[in-house]
């Protein structure tokens, strides 16, 4: 059950940051917003990965 929650929450966070990332690409240049969005993708990836690791046990 915990693995499913981690995977679902990770995918939700990835979806949110995907939308924010597409909005950020519309603006020229790179800045702190892009780093924030990249960090969100990293967090989402870690959540999904941890969920799959728990599911394999």
Protein backbone atom coordinates (compact mmCIF):
# COMPACT_ATOMS: atom_id res chain seq x y z
CA UNK A 1 0.00 0.00 0.00
CA UNK A 2 2.81 2.40 0.89
CA UNK A 3 4.51 1.71 -2.44
CA UNK A 4 1.35 2.64 -4.33
CA UNK A 5 1.06 5.90 -2.43
CA UNK A 6 4.69 6.81 -3.15
CA UNK A 7 4.32 6.05 -6.85
CA UNK A 8 1.02 7.96 -7.13
CA UNK A 9 2.35 10.97 -5.24
CA UNK A 10 5.54 10.94 -7.33
CA UNK A 11 3.55 10.91 -10.56
CA UNK A 12 1.34 13.71 -9.28
CA UNK A 13 4.37 15.85 -8.41
CA UNK A 14 5.91 15.06 -11.81
CA UNK A 15 2.71 16.17 -13.55
CA UNK A 16 2.58 19.42 -11.63
CA UNK A 17 6.20 20.23 -12.36
CA UNK A 18 5.76 19.23 -16.01
CA UNK A 19 3.08 21.89 -16.40
CA UNK A 20 5.20 24.45 -14.51
CA UNK A 21 8.19 23.51 -16.66
CA UNK A 22 6.27 24.07 -19.88
CA UNK A 23 5.22 27.49 -18.61
CA UNK A 24 8.83 28.30 -17.70
CA UNK A 25 10.07 27.34 -21.16
CA UNK A 26 7.89 30.04 -22.67
CA UNK A 27 10.01 32.68 -20.93
CA UNK A 28 13.52 33.42 -22.20
CA UNK A 29 16.60 32.65 -20.13
CA UNK A 30 17.47 30.36 -17.25
CA UNK A 31 17.12 31.23 -13.60
CA UNK A 32 16.03 30.08 -10.19
CA UNK A 33 12.59 29.04 -11.43
CA UNK A 34 14.13 26.45 -13.73
CA UNK A 35 16.29 25.12 -10.89
CA UNK A 36 13.18 24.86 -8.72
CA UNK A 37 11.39 22.91 -11.44
CA UNK A 38 14.40 20.63 -11.95
CA UNK A 39 14.42 19.95 -8.21
CA UNK A 40 10.75 19.02 -8.40
CA UNK A 41 11.49 16.49 -11.13
CA UNK A 42 14.30 15.03 -9.04
CA UNK A 43 11.99 14.74 -6.04
CA UNK A 44 9.29 13.10 -8.15
CA UNK A 45 11.80 10.64 -9.58
CA UNK A 46 13.04 9.72 -6.12
CA UNK A 47 9.49 9.13 -4.89
CA UNK A 48 8.61 6.89 -7.83
CA UNK A 49 11.90 5.00 -7.53
CA UNK A 50 11.39 4.42 -3.80
CA UNK A 51 7.86 3.21 -4.49
CA UNK A 52 9.08 0.67 -7.03
CA UNK A 53 11.82 -0.49 -4.65
CA UNK A 54 9.24 -1.07 -1.90
CA UNK A 55 6.99 -2.90 -4.33
CA UNK A 56 9.72 -5.39 -5.26
CA UNK A 57 10.20 -6.48 -1.64
